[in-house]
N, C-alpha and C. Protein backbone atom coordinates (compact mmCIF):
# COMPACT_ATOMS: atom_id res chain seq x y z
N MET A 1 -11.99 -3.65 35.10
CA MET A 1 -12.91 -2.51 35.32
C MET A 1 -13.60 -2.50 33.61
N LYS A 2 -14.87 -1.85 33.57
CA LYS A 2 -15.01 -1.12 32.49
C LYS A 2 -15.57 0.20 32.16
N LEU A 3 -14.83 0.99 31.52
CA LEU A 3 -14.89 2.63 31.69
C LEU A 3 -15.83 2.97 30.63
N LYS A 4 -16.43 4.03 31.16
CA LYS A 4 -17.73 4.58 30.43
C LYS A 4 -17.75 5.36 29.20
N ILE A 5 -16.12 5.83 29.62
CA ILE A 5 -16.10 6.58 28.41
C ILE A 5 -15.63 5.84 27.50
N LYS A 6 -15.18 5.69 25.75
CA LYS A 6 -15.27 5.07 25.06
C LYS A 6 -14.20 6.13 23.57
N LYS A 7 -13.56 5.11 22.77
CA LYS A 7 -12.86 5.31 22.17
C LYS A 7 -13.75 6.69 20.50
N ASN A 8 -13.23 7.69 20.48
CA ASN A 8 -14.00 8.75 19.93
C ASN A 8 -14.23 9.61 20.70
N ASP A 9 -15.19 9.01 21.45
CA ASP A 9 -15.60 10.25 22.49
C ASP A 9 -14.66 11.96 22.57
N THR A 10 -15.03 12.51 22.76
CA THR A 10 -14.81 14.04 22.78
C THR A 10 -15.10 14.34 24.21
N VAL A 11 -14.02 14.56 25.23
CA VAL A 11 -13.39 14.67 26.33
C VAL A 11 -12.92 16.09 27.04
N MET A 12 -13.08 16.52 27.91
CA MET A 12 -12.41 17.82 28.30
C MET A 12 -11.44 17.28 29.74
N VAL A 13 -10.57 18.08 29.82
CA VAL A 13 -9.78 17.62 30.88
C VAL A 13 -10.41 18.42 32.03
N ILE A 14 -10.62 17.62 32.71
CA ILE A 14 -10.82 18.92 34.65
C ILE A 14 -9.92 18.85 35.43
N SER A 15 -8.83 18.48 35.39
CA SER A 15 -7.34 18.74 36.29
C SER A 15 -5.88 18.19 35.82
N GLY A 16 -5.03 18.69 36.26
CA GLY A 16 -3.78 18.88 36.03
C GLY A 16 -3.49 20.32 34.68
N ASN A 17 -2.17 19.40 34.45
CA ASN A 17 -1.89 20.56 33.63
C ASN A 17 -2.17 21.68 32.41
N ASP A 18 -3.15 19.83 31.67
CA ASP A 18 -3.44 20.58 30.69
C ASP A 18 -5.49 20.48 30.92
N LYS A 19 -5.39 20.99 32.15
CA LYS A 19 -6.95 21.50 32.41
C LYS A 19 -7.35 23.03 31.16
N GLY A 20 -9.00 22.59 30.96
CA GLY A 20 -9.55 23.33 30.12
C GLY A 20 -9.72 22.50 28.76
N LYS A 21 -8.62 21.86 28.00
CA LYS A 21 -8.48 21.42 27.02
C LYS A 21 -8.79 20.82 26.42
N THR A 22 -9.55 20.04 25.24
CA THR A 22 -10.55 19.60 24.80
C THR A 22 -9.92 18.43 23.76
N GLY A 23 -10.30 16.72 23.51
CA GLY A 23 -10.20 15.97 22.40
C GLY A 23 -10.54 15.00 22.16
N ARG A 24 -10.32 14.30 21.21
CA ARG A 24 -10.74 13.54 20.98
C ARG A 24 -10.27 12.04 21.71
N VAL A 25 -11.03 10.92 22.85
CA VAL A 25 -10.14 9.18 22.70
C VAL A 25 -9.72 8.74 21.31
N LEU A 26 -8.13 8.25 21.88
CA LEU A 26 -7.75 7.37 20.72
C LEU A 26 -7.78 6.56 21.17
N GLU A 27 -7.65 6.10 22.40
CA GLU A 27 -7.20 4.71 23.01
C GLU A 27 -7.75 4.39 24.01
N VAL A 28 -8.19 3.82 24.49
CA VAL A 28 -8.64 3.03 26.16
C VAL A 28 -7.61 1.99 26.94
N ILE A 29 -7.24 2.41 28.10
CA ILE A 29 -6.66 1.01 28.58
C ILE A 29 -7.11 0.67 29.71
N PRO A 30 -8.29 -0.08 29.65
CA PRO A 30 -9.08 -0.82 30.94
C PRO A 30 -8.85 -0.98 31.95
N ASP A 31 -7.53 -1.76 31.48
CA ASP A 31 -6.79 -2.56 33.42
C ASP A 31 -5.74 -1.42 33.89
N LYS A 32 -5.69 -0.42 33.09
CA LYS A 32 -4.70 1.05 34.12
C LYS A 32 -5.91 2.29 34.13
N MET A 33 -6.32 1.47 33.78
CA MET A 33 -7.99 2.91 33.93
C MET A 33 -7.37 4.31 33.48
N ARG A 34 -6.74 4.21 32.54
CA ARG A 34 -5.71 6.01 31.88
C ARG A 34 -6.64 5.28 29.86
N ILE A 35 -6.47 6.25 29.56
CA ILE A 35 -6.99 6.68 28.39
C ILE A 35 -5.72 8.14 27.12
N LEU A 36 -6.00 7.21 26.26
CA LEU A 36 -4.97 8.59 25.62
C LEU A 36 -6.00 9.48 24.83
N VAL A 37 -5.51 11.13 25.02
CA VAL A 37 -6.20 11.84 24.17
C VAL A 37 -5.40 12.69 23.03
N GLU A 38 -5.99 13.08 22.13
CA GLU A 38 -5.30 13.34 21.13
C GLU A 38 -4.98 14.89 21.30
N GLY A 39 -3.70 15.81 21.20
CA GLY A 39 -3.74 16.66 21.56
C GLY A 39 -3.30 17.64 23.04
N VAL A 40 -3.69 16.17 24.94
CA VAL A 40 -3.11 16.49 25.54
C VAL A 40 -2.35 15.79 25.96
N ASN A 41 -1.59 15.97 26.99
CA ASN A 41 -1.09 15.35 27.77
C ASN A 41 0.81 14.97 27.27
N LEU A 42 1.05 15.91 26.14
CA LEU A 42 2.28 15.61 25.11
C LEU A 42 3.40 15.85 25.62
N ARG A 43 4.22 14.85 26.06
CA ARG A 43 5.62 14.39 25.83
C ARG A 43 6.90 14.92 24.48
N VAL A 44 8.00 15.18 25.07
CA VAL A 44 8.25 15.97 23.65
C VAL A 44 9.51 13.63 24.20
N LYS A 45 9.74 13.42 23.33
CA LYS A 45 10.85 12.12 22.99
C LYS A 45 11.91 12.58 22.08
N ALA A 46 13.19 12.05 22.10
CA ALA A 46 14.23 11.98 21.27
C ALA A 46 14.45 10.63 20.75
N THR A 47 14.55 10.49 19.89
CA THR A 47 15.08 9.20 18.47
C THR A 47 15.98 9.36 17.51
N ARG A 48 16.48 8.25 17.70
CA ARG A 48 17.42 8.27 16.79
C ARG A 48 17.12 8.06 15.08
N PRO A 49 17.54 7.97 14.29
CA PRO A 49 17.50 7.90 12.92
C PRO A 49 17.46 6.52 12.83
N ASN A 50 16.43 6.00 12.40
CA ASN A 50 15.85 4.87 12.09
C ASN A 50 15.45 4.57 10.64
N PRO A 51 14.70 3.76 9.77
CA PRO A 51 14.54 3.05 8.97
C PRO A 51 12.95 3.53 9.04
N ASN A 52 11.90 3.96 10.00
CA ASN A 52 11.15 4.74 9.90
C ASN A 52 11.69 5.99 9.45
N ASN A 53 12.28 6.63 10.46
CA ASN A 53 12.28 7.92 10.68
C ASN A 53 13.77 7.81 10.47
N GLN A 54 14.02 8.81 8.84
CA GLN A 54 15.82 8.69 8.44
C GLN A 54 16.72 9.86 9.06
N GLN A 55 15.78 10.59 9.70
CA GLN A 55 16.17 12.08 9.51
C GLN A 55 16.26 11.58 11.56
N GLY A 56 15.60 11.07 12.34
CA GLY A 56 15.76 11.30 13.46
C GLY A 56 15.24 12.64 14.32
N GLY A 57 15.04 13.10 15.41
CA GLY A 57 15.18 14.12 16.41
C GLY A 57 13.88 13.77 17.33
N LEU A 58 13.18 15.78 17.35
CA LEU A 58 12.63 14.98 18.78
C LEU A 58 11.14 14.94 17.90
N ILE A 59 10.62 14.32 19.05
CA ILE A 59 8.80 13.80 18.28
C ILE A 59 8.06 14.27 19.42
N HIS A 60 7.15 14.91 19.40
CA HIS A 60 5.62 15.16 20.16
C HIS A 60 4.76 14.04 20.09
N GLN A 61 4.75 13.43 21.39
CA GLN A 61 3.79 12.36 21.84
C GLN A 61 3.02 12.18 22.76
N GLU A 62 1.57 12.06 22.44
CA GLU A 62 0.52 11.98 23.32
C GLU A 62 1.00 10.86 24.32
N MET A 63 0.69 11.22 25.89
CA MET A 63 0.75 10.20 26.80
C MET A 63 -0.79 9.69 27.30
N PRO A 64 -0.91 8.56 28.06
CA PRO A 64 -2.19 8.61 28.72
C PRO A 64 -2.27 9.25 29.80
N ILE A 65 -3.44 9.45 30.38
CA ILE A 65 -3.88 10.40 31.30
C ILE A 65 -4.91 9.46 32.73
N HIS A 66 -5.25 9.67 33.48
CA HIS A 66 -5.50 9.27 34.10
C HIS A 66 -7.83 9.48 33.74
N TYR A 67 -8.44 8.32 33.79
CA TYR A 67 -9.82 8.87 33.23
C TYR A 67 -11.16 9.19 33.93
N SER A 68 -10.37 9.86 35.44
CA SER A 68 -10.31 10.35 36.28
C SER A 68 -10.49 11.33 36.33
N ASN A 69 -9.63 12.28 35.53
CA ASN A 69 -9.02 13.50 35.05
C ASN A 69 -9.96 14.53 33.69
N VAL A 70 -10.65 13.42 33.59
CA VAL A 70 -11.27 14.31 32.22
C VAL A 70 -12.94 13.70 32.45
N GLN A 71 -13.87 14.72 31.32
CA GLN A 71 -15.34 14.37 32.06
C GLN A 71 -15.52 14.28 29.84
N ILE A 72 -16.79 13.52 29.75
CA ILE A 72 -17.21 13.65 28.26
C ILE A 72 -18.24 15.03 27.94
N ILE A 73 -17.98 15.46 26.92
CA ILE A 73 -18.76 16.66 26.61
C ILE A 73 -19.79 16.14 25.88
N ASP A 74 -20.47 17.20 26.47
CA ASP A 74 -22.02 16.64 26.02
C ASP A 74 -22.55 18.17 24.30
N ASP A 75 -24.02 17.21 23.46
CA ASP A 75 -24.34 18.35 22.50
C ASP A 75 -24.12 19.30 22.89
N GLU A 76 -24.48 20.02 23.99
CA GLU A 76 -24.11 21.64 24.13
C GLU A 76 -22.73 22.11 24.97
N LYS A 77 -21.63 21.32 24.31
CA LYS A 77 -20.31 21.37 24.73
C LYS A 77 -19.99 21.91 26.22
N ASN A 78 -20.79 20.90 27.01
CA ASN A 78 -20.98 21.17 28.35
C ASN A 78 -19.77 20.05 28.96
N PRO A 79 -18.49 19.96 29.82
CA PRO A 79 -18.40 19.05 30.53
C PRO A 79 -19.24 18.18 31.22
N THR A 80 -19.65 17.08 30.99
CA THR A 80 -20.41 15.70 32.08
C THR A 80 -20.24 14.35 32.60
N ARG A 81 -20.81 14.14 33.49
CA ARG A 81 -21.37 12.65 33.80
C ARG A 81 -21.51 12.03 32.65
N ILE A 82 -21.32 10.50 32.94
CA ILE A 82 -22.21 9.64 32.53
C ILE A 82 -22.98 8.34 32.75
N GLY A 83 -24.42 8.83 32.49
CA GLY A 83 -25.23 7.82 33.21
C GLY A 83 -25.42 6.76 32.03
N ILE A 84 -26.49 5.60 32.79
CA ILE A 84 -26.55 4.57 31.12
C ILE A 84 -28.20 3.99 32.16
N ARG A 85 -28.86 3.56 30.84
CA ARG A 85 -29.94 2.91 30.71
C ARG A 85 -30.25 2.80 29.97
N PHE A 86 -31.44 1.64 30.31
CA PHE A 86 -31.76 0.11 28.98
C PHE A 86 -32.97 0.66 28.40
N ALA A 87 -32.93 0.74 27.01
CA ALA A 87 -34.21 0.31 26.19
C ALA A 87 -34.51 -0.03 26.52
N ASP A 88 -36.07 -0.03 25.61
CA ASP A 88 -37.31 -1.20 25.32
C ASP A 88 -36.97 -2.42 24.93
N LYS A 89 -35.76 -2.12 23.70
CA LYS A 89 -35.73 -3.17 23.07
C LYS A 89 -34.83 -3.19 23.27
N LEU A 90 -34.93 -5.19 23.06
CA LEU A 90 -33.37 -6.26 23.22
C LEU A 90 -32.64 -6.16 21.62
N ASP A 91 -31.57 -6.88 23.09
CA ASP A 91 -30.53 -6.68 21.26
C ASP A 91 -30.61 -8.62 20.76
N ALA A 92 -29.74 -9.01 20.10
CA ALA A 92 -29.81 -10.58 19.51
C ALA A 92 -29.69 -11.15 20.66
N LYS A 93 -29.22 -11.05 21.88
CA LYS A 93 -29.30 -12.18 22.61
C LYS A 93 -30.78 -12.21 23.62
N GLY A 94 -31.12 -11.18 24.08
CA GLY A 94 -32.28 -11.39 24.34
C GLY A 94 -32.04 -10.44 25.81
N LYS A 95 -31.58 -9.25 26.19
CA LYS A 95 -30.71 -9.02 26.61
C LYS A 95 -31.07 -7.11 26.14
N PRO A 96 -31.40 -5.92 27.34
CA PRO A 96 -32.12 -4.60 27.01
C PRO A 96 -30.68 -4.33 26.48
N ILE A 97 -30.85 -3.35 25.60
CA ILE A 97 -29.82 -2.25 25.29
C ILE A 97 -29.61 -1.01 26.05
N LYS A 98 -28.53 -1.28 26.52
CA LYS A 98 -27.79 -0.21 27.11
C LYS A 98 -27.70 1.44 26.63
N ILE A 99 -27.82 2.74 26.90
CA ILE A 99 -27.42 3.56 25.55
C ILE A 99 -27.15 4.39 27.03
N ARG A 100 -26.22 5.26 26.71
CA ARG A 100 -25.47 6.28 27.55
C ARG A 100 -26.09 7.43 27.21
N TYR A 101 -26.02 7.99 28.60
CA TYR A 101 -26.71 9.92 28.26
C TYR A 101 -25.95 10.23 29.07
N ALA A 102 -26.11 11.51 29.34
CA ALA A 102 -25.62 13.16 29.63
C ALA A 102 -26.18 13.26 30.92
N LYS A 103 -25.92 13.81 31.55
CA LYS A 103 -26.22 13.92 33.66
C LYS A 103 -27.16 15.04 33.25
N SER A 104 -26.00 16.03 32.50
CA SER A 104 -26.49 17.58 32.86
C SER A 104 -27.89 17.93 31.91
N ASN A 105 -28.34 17.31 30.77
CA ASN A 105 -29.40 17.02 30.32
C ASN A 105 -30.42 16.56 30.10
N GLY A 106 -29.84 14.59 29.86
CA GLY A 106 -30.49 13.88 30.43
C GLY A 106 -30.62 13.48 28.71
N LYS A 107 -30.15 13.91 27.78
CA LYS A 107 -29.76 13.38 26.28
C LYS A 107 -28.66 12.29 25.95
N ASP A 108 -28.92 11.34 24.87
CA ASP A 108 -28.58 10.79 24.89
C ASP A 108 -27.06 10.43 24.00
N ILE A 109 -25.73 10.09 24.79
CA ILE A 109 -24.49 10.60 24.06
C ILE A 109 -24.58 9.46 22.96
């Protein structure tokens, strides 16, 4: 399944423990329908000393959340749904170009 949320989009969490937080999408995992958002769903992981981390200790790490728990932020800083429309121009393969837009105000994302 192809998700409408892409890497580097700014999203807001709409449900769960981190409801109301905003962050940038770091990674999209389409086969599991999950996304990794910066500063959201932090978990503490204990690590032993190793060559990468000489001291070891506790590390705060983001964990993926389901994409249905977030909405993209439009240019007016409001959460919105995403729609897709086709441009009049064609790409190199002769197909119309897809444009994502915010359903709240109709502006392009």
